[in-house]
C-alpha atoms as a PDB file:
ATOM      1  CA  MET A   1     216.224  88.740  56.397  1.00  0.00           C
ATOM      2  CA  THR A   2     214.927  85.181  56.597  1.00  0.00           C
ATOM      3  CA  ALA A   3     214.747  82.784  53.662  1.00  0.00           C
ATOM      4  CA  ASP A   4     210.935  83.062  53.642  1.00  0.00           C
ATOM      5  CA  SER A   5     210.967  86.853  53.553  1.00  0.00           C
ATOM      6  CA  GLU A   6     213.572  86.831  50.770  1.00  0.00           C
ATOM      7  CA  ARG A   7     211.435  84.407  48.765  1.00  0.00           C
ATOM      8  CA  LEU A   8     208.366  86.592  49.314  1.00  0.00           C
ATOM      9  CA  GLU A   9     210.274  89.682  48.182  1.00  0.00           C
ATOM     10  CA  ARG A  10     211.408  87.882  45.003  1.00  0.00           C
ATOM     11  CA  GLU A  11     207.802  86.850  44.299  1.00  0.00           C
ATOM     12  CA  ARG A  12     206.589  90.425  44.775  1.00  0.00           C
ATOM     13  CA  ASP A  13     209.261  91.688  42.382  1.00  0.00           C
ATOM     14  CA  LYS A  14     208.282  89.032  39.840  1.00  0.00           C
ATOM     15  CA  PHE A  15     204.611  89.991  40.148  1.00  0.00           C
ATOM     16  CA  ARG A  16     205.460  93.691  39.682  1.00  0.00           C
ATOM     17  CA  ARG A  17     207.536  92.982  36.549  1.00  0.00           C
ATOM     18  CA  ILE A  18     204.746  90.874  35.031  1.00  0.00           C
ATOM     19  CA  LEU A  19     202.074  93.435  35.917  1.00  0.00           C
ATOM     20  CA  ASN A  20     204.058  96.282  34.399  1.00  0.00           C
ATOM     21  CA  SER A  21     204.797  94.309  31.206  1.00  0.00           C
ATOM     22  CA  ILE A  22     201.108  93.854  30.320  1.00  0.00           C
ATOM     23  CA  SER A  23     200.052  96.355  27.658  1.00  0.00           C
ATOM     24  CA  ALA A  24     196.495  96.726  28.951  1.00  0.00           C
ATOM     25  CA  GLY A  25     195.084  98.339  32.073  1.00  0.00           C
ATOM     26  CA  VAL A  26     195.207  95.847  34.945  1.00  0.00           C
ATOM     27  CA  LEU A  27     193.947  96.445  38.478  1.00  0.00           C
ATOM     28  CA  GLN A  28     194.331  94.185  41.495  1.00  0.00           C
ATOM     29  CA  VAL A  29     191.154  94.643  43.534  1.00  0.00           C
ATOM     30  CA  SER A  30     190.324  93.293  46.986  1.00  0.00           C
ATOM     31  CA  SER A  31     187.562  90.691  46.908  1.00  0.00           C
ATOM     32  CA  ASP A  32     186.589  91.798  50.423  1.00  0.00           C
ATOM     33  CA  ASP A  33     185.675  95.429  49.812  1.00  0.00           C
ATOM     34  CA  GLY A  34     186.453  96.248  46.170  1.00  0.00           C
ATOM     35  CA  ARG A  35     189.379  98.521  47.026  1.00  0.00           C
ATOM     36  CA  ILE A  36     192.174  98.922  44.499  1.00  0.00           C
ATOM     37  CA  LEU A  37     195.329  97.278  45.823  1.00  0.00           C
ATOM     38  CA  ASP A  38     197.670  97.615  42.860  1.00  0.00           C
ATOM     39  CA  MET A  39     197.705  98.568  39.194  1.00  0.00           C
ATOM     40  CA  ASN A  40     199.970  98.871  36.196  1.00  0.00           C
ATOM     41  CA  PRO A  41     200.856 102.079  34.337  1.00  0.00           C
ATOM     42  CA  TYR A  42     198.258 101.367  31.629  1.00  0.00           C
ATOM     43  CA  ALA A  43     195.514 101.424  34.278  1.00  0.00           C
ATOM     44  CA  ASN A  44     196.776 104.824  35.408  1.00  0.00           C
ATOM     45  CA  ALA A  45     196.554 106.067  31.833  1.00  0.00           C
ATOM     46  CA  LEU A  46     193.084 104.535  31.363  1.00  0.00           C
ATOM     47  CA  PHE A  47     191.682 106.379  34.368  1.00  0.00           C
ATOM     48  CA  GLY A  48     193.877 109.440  33.933  1.00  0.00           C
ATOM     49  CA  LEU A  49     194.907 109.206  37.592  1.00  0.00           C
ATOM     50  CA  SER A  50     198.139 108.494  39.436  1.00  0.00           C
ATOM     51  CA  GLU A  51     198.802 105.400  41.524  1.00  0.00           C
ATOM     52  CA  GLU A  52     198.371 107.498  44.660  1.00  0.00           C
ATOM     53  CA  GLU A  53     194.954 108.693  43.461  1.00  0.00           C
ATOM     54  CA  LEU A  54     193.747 105.147  42.712  1.00  0.00           C
ATOM     55  CA  LYS A  55     195.295 102.964  45.406  1.00  0.00           C
ATOM     56  CA  GLY A  56     192.963 102.268  48.321  1.00  0.00           C
ATOM     57  CA  LYS A  57     189.881 103.659  46.573  1.00  0.00           C
ATOM     58  CA  VAL A  58     186.785 101.544  45.847  1.00  0.00           C
ATOM     59  CA  LEU A  59     186.793 100.612  42.157  1.00  0.00           C
ATOM     60  CA  LEU A  60     183.045 101.132  41.667  1.00  0.00           C
ATOM     61  CA  GLU A  61     183.453 104.802  42.616  1.00  0.00           C
ATOM     62  CA  PHE A  62     185.423 105.265  39.399  1.00  0.00           C
ATOM     63  CA  LEU A  63     182.996 103.285  37.243  1.00  0.00           C
ATOM     64  CA  PHE A  64     179.512 104.469  38.267  1.00  0.00           C
ATOM     65  CA  ASP A  65     177.956 107.633  39.627  1.00  0.00           C
ATOM     66  CA  GLU A  66     175.353 107.690  42.421  1.00  0.00           C
ATOM     67  CA  SER A  67     172.488 107.041  39.964  1.00  0.00           C
ATOM     68  CA  GLY A  68     174.168 103.950  38.526  1.00  0.00           C
ATOM     69  CA  GLN A  69     175.221 105.578  35.249  1.00  0.00           C
ATOM     70  CA  SER A  70     178.519 104.317  33.955  1.00  0.00           C
ATOM     71  CA  LEU A  71     181.229 106.962  34.037  1.00  0.00           C
ATOM     72  CA  MET A  72     183.162 105.034  31.394  1.00  0.00           C
ATOM     73  CA  ASP A  73     180.766 104.826  28.458  1.00  0.00           C
ATOM     74  CA  GLY A  74     177.265 106.040  29.299  1.00  0.00           C
ATOM     75  CA  ARG A  75     175.640 102.628  29.851  1.00  0.00           C
ATOM     76  CA  TYR A  76     173.421 102.204  32.896  1.00  0.00           C
ATOM     77  CA  CYS A  77     173.922  99.785  35.747  1.00  0.00           C
ATOM     78  CA  LYS A  78     171.349  98.753  38.302  1.00  0.00           C
ATOM     79  CA  SER A  79     173.241  96.414  40.600  1.00  0.00           C
ATOM     80  CA  GLY A  80     176.923  96.830  39.891  1.00  0.00           C
ATOM     81  CA  LYS A  81     176.648  94.846  36.628  1.00  0.00           C
ATOM     82  CA  TYR A  82     176.245  95.959  33.046  1.00  0.00           C
ATOM     83  CA  GLU A  83     172.779  95.370  31.698  1.00  0.00           C
END
């Protein structure tokens, strides 16, 4: 293992420890396509889904139905934003 790859692995471990220590649901989402890249256990509890069920899925699919109604609290959305 090279020094760069060891440093990267340490940074990933540090990120994971920080993410898991936050006592609120946190998702890391791709800015390219909105897919869920990572999450902490509180996010799993918030959605009631496992990491395997969330990872790689598009976040908006869990927040809004096809008509734009919020699946979280009943508010309506017309362009991906709360109104």
